Protein backbone atom coordinates (compact mmCIF):
# COMPACT_ATOMS: atom_id res chain seq x y z
CA MET A 1 11.97 -14.03 0.55
CA LYS A 2 10.09 -15.64 -2.28
CA GLY A 3 12.05 -18.86 -1.60
CA VAL A 4 11.21 -18.70 2.12
CA LYS A 5 7.53 -18.18 1.27
CA SER A 6 7.64 -21.19 -1.07
CA VAL A 7 9.01 -23.37 1.67
CA ILE A 8 6.22 -22.08 4.06
CA THR A 9 3.53 -22.95 1.51
CA LEU A 10 5.03 -26.43 0.95
CA GLY A 11 4.80 -27.01 4.72
CA LEU A 12 1.22 -25.78 4.78
CA THR A 13 0.27 -27.99 1.85
CA ILE A 14 1.68 -31.09 3.55
CA PHE A 15 -0.10 -30.15 6.75
CA ILE A 16 -3.45 -29.72 5.00
CA LEU A 17 -3.15 -32.96 3.11
CA PHE A 18 -2.17 -35.12 6.18
CA LYS A 19 -4.16 -33.27 8.84
CA PHE A 20 -7.32 -32.45 6.89
CA MET A 21 -7.83 -34.36 3.64
CA ILE A 22 -6.55 -37.88 4.49
CA PRO A 23 -8.18 -38.16 7.94
CA TYR A 24 -11.53 -37.09 6.50
CA LEU A 25 -11.16 -39.54 3.59
CA LEU A 26 -10.67 -42.35 6.05
CA GLU A 27 -13.83 -41.25 7.95
CA GLY A 28 -15.78 -41.90 4.72
CA HIS A 29 -16.55 -38.30 3.67
CA ASN A 30 -17.26 -37.63 -0.03
CA PRO A 31 -13.77 -37.88 -1.71
CA ILE A 32 -14.59 -35.63 -4.66
CA LEU A 33 -15.99 -32.76 -2.62
CA LEU A 34 -13.18 -33.12 -0.11
CA VAL A 35 -10.38 -32.96 -2.66
CA LEU A 36 -11.94 -29.98 -4.44
CA ILE A 37 -12.18 -28.11 -1.14
CA THR A 38 -8.56 -29.12 -0.36
CA GLY A 39 -7.40 -28.03 -3.79
CA ALA A 40 -9.06 -24.64 -3.44
CA ILE A 41 -7.62 -24.07 -0.01
CA VAL A 42 -4.06 -25.07 -1.04
CA THR A 43 -4.31 -22.90 -4.21
CA ALA A 44 -5.50 -19.78 -2.29
CA LEU A 45 -2.94 -20.09 0.44
CA THR A 46 -0.05 -20.78 -1.94
CA PHE A 47 -0.82 -17.79 -4.19
CA LEU A 48 -1.69 -15.38 -1.39
CA ILE A 49 1.53 -16.12 0.58
CA VAL A 50 3.85 -16.13 -2.45
CA SER A 51 2.33 -13.33 -4.48
CA GLY A 52 0.18 -11.40 -1.98
CA PHE A 53 -3.40 -10.20 -2.53
CA SER A 54 -3.51 -8.70 -6.02
CA ARG A 55 -5.40 -8.98 -9.35
CA LYS A 56 -2.77 -11.43 -10.56
CA THR A 57 -3.41 -13.67 -7.50
CA LEU A 58 -7.17 -13.48 -7.99
CA ALA A 59 -6.87 -14.42 -11.67
CA ALA A 60 -4.51 -17.34 -10.90
CA ILE A 61 -6.83 -18.65 -8.19
CA THR A 62 -9.85 -18.43 -10.52
CA GLY A 63 -8.04 -20.17 -13.37
CA THR A 64 -6.72 -22.95 -11.13
CA VAL A 65 -10.17 -23.67 -9.54
CA GLY A 66 -11.79 -23.53 -12.99
CA GLY A 67 -9.32 -25.92 -14.49
CA LEU A 68 -9.47 -28.24 -11.55
CA GLY A 69 -13.27 -28.30 -11.71
CA SER A 70 -13.11 -29.06 -15.45
CA ALA A 71 -10.71 -32.00 -14.76
CA ALA A 72 -13.06 -33.30 -12.07
CA LEU A 73 -16.12 -33.16 -14.31
CA ILE A 74 -14.24 -34.82 -17.22
CA SER A 75 -12.91 -37.60 -14.95
CA PHE A 76 -16.40 -38.28 -13.49
CA ILE A 77 -17.92 -38.56 -16.96
CA PHE A 78 -15.25 -40.85 -18.37
CA MET A 79 -15.05 -42.95 -15.19
CA SER A 80 -18.74 -43.68 -15.62
CA LEU A 81 -18.36 -44.47 -19.38
CA MET A 82 -15.28 -46.76 -18.74
CA ASN A 83 -16.98 -48.50 -15.78
CA LEU A 84 -13.86 -48.12 -13.51
CA SER A 85 -14.47 -49.67 -10.21
CA GLY A 86 -11.39 -48.25 -8.38
CA PHE A 87 -9.85 -51.74 -7.87
CA HIS A 88 -6.78 -51.46 -9.93
CA GLY A 89 -3.96 -52.39 -7.50
CA GLU A 90 -3.12 -54.12 -4.16
CA GLU A 91 -3.53 -50.86 -2.25
CA GLU A 92 -7.22 -50.52 -3.14
CA THR A 93 -7.85 -54.16 -2.16
CA MET A 94 -6.16 -53.53 1.21
CA LEU A 95 -8.22 -50.37 1.77
CA SER A 96 -11.45 -52.25 1.13
CA MET A 97 -10.52 -54.75 3.86
CA ILE A 98 -9.97 -52.07 6.56
CA ASP A 99 -12.65 -52.24 9.24
CA LEU A 100 -14.06 -48.62 9.28
CA GLU A 101 -17.37 -47.17 10.45
CA SER A 102 -18.05 -45.86 6.95
CA PRO A 103 -16.86 -47.82 3.95
CA ILE A 104 -14.37 -46.07 1.67
CA ASP A 105 -15.67 -45.12 -1.76
CA LEU A 106 -12.84 -46.51 -3.97
CA SER A 107 -14.13 -45.06 -7.17
CA GLY A 108 -14.31 -41.67 -5.43
CA ILE A 109 -10.77 -42.20 -4.09
CA LEU A 110 -9.65 -42.81 -7.60
CA LEU A 111 -11.25 -39.66 -8.92
CA ALA A 112 -9.79 -37.68 -6.00
CA GLY A 113 -6.29 -38.98 -6.78
CA ILE A 114 -6.65 -37.89 -10.42
CA ILE A 115 -7.74 -34.37 -9.34
CA ILE A 116 -5.11 -33.85 -6.74
CA GLY A 117 -2.47 -35.18 -9.17
CA ALA A 118 -3.40 -32.52 -11.77
CA LEU A 119 -3.46 -29.66 -9.23
CA GLY A 120 0.21 -28.77 -9.38
CA ALA A 121 0.32 -28.58 -13.15
CA VAL A 122 -2.87 -26.44 -13.33
CA MET A 123 -1.47 -24.06 -10.66
CA ASP A 124 1.78 -23.71 -12.66
CA VAL A 125 -0.13 -22.79 -15.82
CA ALA A 126 -2.48 -20.33 -14.09
CA ILE A 127 0.20 -18.39 -12.24
CA SER A 128 2.51 -18.31 -15.29
CA ILE A 129 -0.18 -16.69 -17.45
CA ALA A 130 -1.42 -14.27 -14.69
CA SER A 131 2.09 -13.14 -13.89
CA SER A 132 3.07 -12.72 -17.57
CA LEU A 133 0.02 -10.56 -18.25
CA GLU A 134 0.71 -8.37 -15.16
CA GLU A 135 4.31 -7.72 -16.44
CA ILE A 136 2.94 -6.81 -19.90
CA LYS A 137 0.51 -4.36 -18.38
CA ARG A 138 3.15 -2.84 -16.14
CA ASN A 139 5.50 -2.20 -19.04
CA TYR A 140 2.80 -1.42 -21.69
CA LYS A 141 0.28 0.59 -19.71
CA SER A 142 -2.09 1.19 -22.62
CA ALA A 143 -2.59 -2.53 -23.27
CA SER A 144 -6.27 -3.21 -24.07
CA PHE A 145 -8.40 -6.24 -22.94
CA LYS A 146 -8.08 -7.75 -26.45
CA GLU A 147 -4.30 -7.39 -26.49
CA LEU A 148 -3.87 -8.85 -22.95
CA PHE A 149 -6.20 -11.76 -23.68
CA LYS A 150 -4.36 -12.56 -26.91
CA SER A 151 -0.99 -12.41 -25.19
CA GLY A 152 -2.30 -14.69 -22.38
CA MET A 153 -3.50 -17.26 -24.95
CA ASN A 154 -0.14 -17.13 -26.76
CA VAL A 155 1.76 -17.68 -23.50
CA GLY A 156 -0.60 -20.49 -22.57
CA GLY A 157 -0.13 -22.17 -25.88
CA ASP A 158 3.61 -22.38 -25.31
CA ILE A 159 3.12 -23.69 -21.81
CA MET A 160 0.51 -26.26 -22.71
CA GLY A 161 2.64 -28.77 -24.60
CA THR A 162 5.41 -29.02 -22.03
CA MET A 163 2.98 -29.30 -19.08
CA ALA A 164 1.03 -32.06 -20.76
CA ASN A 165 4.27 -33.86 -21.24
CA THR A 166 5.08 -33.28 -17.60
CA LEU A 167 1.93 -35.06 -16.57
CA ILE A 168 2.32 -38.11 -18.73
CA LEU A 169 6.00 -38.48 -17.88
CA ALA A 170 5.25 -38.27 -14.17
CA TYR A 171 2.53 -40.99 -14.40
CA VAL A 172 4.73 -43.27 -16.54
CA GLY A 173 7.65 -42.77 -14.16
CA ALA A 174 5.47 -43.72 -11.15
CA SER A 175 4.15 -46.88 -12.95
CA LEU A 176 7.38 -47.86 -14.72
CA PRO A 177 7.91 -51.30 -12.85
CA ILE A 178 4.35 -52.42 -13.70
CA ILE A 179 4.69 -51.30 -17.34
CA LEU A 180 8.05 -53.09 -17.66
CA LEU A 181 6.50 -56.27 -16.28
CA MET A 182 3.64 -56.18 -18.72
CA TYR A 183 6.00 -55.70 -21.70
CA ALA A 184 8.41 -58.35 -20.37
CA TYR A 185 5.57 -60.90 -20.37
CA GLU A 186 4.41 -59.62 -23.74
CA TYR A 187 0.75 -58.94 -22.93
CA PRO A 188 -1.32 -58.47 -26.08
CA TYR A 189 -2.33 -54.82 -26.70
CA GLY A 190 -5.99 -55.89 -26.76
CA GLU A 191 -5.62 -57.20 -23.14
CA LEU A 192 -3.63 -54.20 -21.95
CA ILE A 193 -6.26 -51.70 -23.12
CA GLN A 194 -8.97 -53.59 -21.28
CA MET A 195 -7.04 -53.72 -18.01
CA GLU A 196 -8.27 -51.18 -15.42
CA PHE A 197 -4.76 -50.13 -14.50
CA PHE A 198 -4.13 -48.89 -18.10
CA GLY A 199 -7.56 -47.25 -18.19
CA VAL A 200 -6.83 -45.39 -14.99
CA GLU A 201 -3.46 -44.09 -16.23
CA ILE A 202 -4.99 -42.97 -19.54
CA LEU A 203 -7.72 -41.20 -17.63
CA ARG A 204 -5.23 -39.51 -15.35
CA THR A 205 -3.28 -38.12 -18.30
CA LEU A 206 -6.26 -36.99 -20.26
CA SER A 207 -8.06 -35.37 -17.37
CA GLY A 208 -5.05 -33.50 -16.15
CA SER A 209 -4.11 -32.29 -19.66
CA ILE A 210 -7.65 -31.11 -20.38
CA GLY A 211 -7.88 -29.40 -17.01
CA LEU A 212 -4.68 -27.42 -17.55
CA VAL A 213 -5.68 -26.61 -21.16
CA LEU A 214 -9.03 -25.16 -19.94
CA ALA A 215 -7.24 -23.22 -17.17
CA ILE A 216 -5.42 -21.16 -19.92
CA PRO A 217 -8.47 -19.33 -21.33
CA ILE A 218 -10.06 -18.91 -17.93
CA THR A 219 -6.93 -17.29 -16.46
CA ALA A 220 -6.26 -15.20 -19.57
CA LEU A 221 -9.85 -13.92 -19.58
CA ILE A 222 -9.94 -13.00 -15.83
CA SER A 223 -6.44 -11.46 -16.03
CA ALA A 224 -7.28 -9.36 -19.07
CA LEU A 225 -10.57 -8.18 -17.48
CA LEU A 226 -8.86 -7.14 -14.23
CA LEU A 227 -5.71 -5.63 -15.66
CA SER A 228 -7.23 -3.74 -18.61
CA LYS A 229 -9.16 -1.40 -16.26
CA GLU A 230 -6.24 0.48 -14.67
CA GLU A 231 -2.51 0.57 -14.29
CA VAL A 232 -0.57 -1.96 -12.22
CA LYS A 233 0.60 -0.09 -9.13
CA THR A 234 2.64 -2.85 -7.51
CA LYS A 235 6.40 -2.23 -7.51
CA GLN A 236 8.81 -4.51 -9.37
CA ASP A 237 11.39 -6.54 -7.54
CA PRO A 238 14.34 -4.16 -7.03
CA MET A 239 16.81 -7.05 -7.47
CA ILE A 240 15.67 -7.61 -11.06
CA ILE A 241 17.61 -5.51 -13.61
CA VAL A 242 16.34 -5.36 -17.14
CA GLY A 243 19.10 -4.50 -19.72
CA ASP A 244 22.15 -2.40 -18.99
CA ARG A 245 21.44 0.69 -16.89
CA GLY A 246 24.60 2.32 -18.16
CA THR A 247 23.48 2.33 -21.76
CA ASP A 248 20.30 2.74 -23.74
CA ALA A 249 19.65 -1.02 -23.75
């Protein structure tokens, strides 16, 4: 059933992106506000359908939105400092040539792309921590707020390194042909760093990584607050067997 629910959420995510976010972006609406609303809707629907309404779900949603908002703020600040225009490829040039009633904000589109690209990683981190703390509370009913928060931070620390690598590897993989061309023609490092394309990829990686890092304490804090008050009353999955029931293991 969890697998079926995951497929349903995938379909809903695709529907929201192509029937809500992209059409409104083409109509000239604020890309940053639009992508934040889209991210919040996708996050809430995904967690509610897969995990149901619970304290775990509430903590995961809060952590995801907090991490996503942090990534958006960091991206906005550094885009201004780096003077990125949004023109870093042929696609942006073609978008600027489309005859629309409202012109497309390419710098906003760039920022929206960075935020939506980080959403999946931030969601993974948030639900992993929230789910781990719920299991700890279920099996150790006297766990205090301090113990739960510390456990959440420890789990988040282990997740953090691999998820940051996931982001950079995904971005490098998507841009591999262009990177190969640049290295084949032996562009000097000084010129590469000044190219907007490189600046955008660096910003994508840093913003996404910082967003998922900040999602860790937010999710751990909210989960510890919610779970430390009372016992977890939800039932475990009956298909999961821990140890050998025929022994003392």
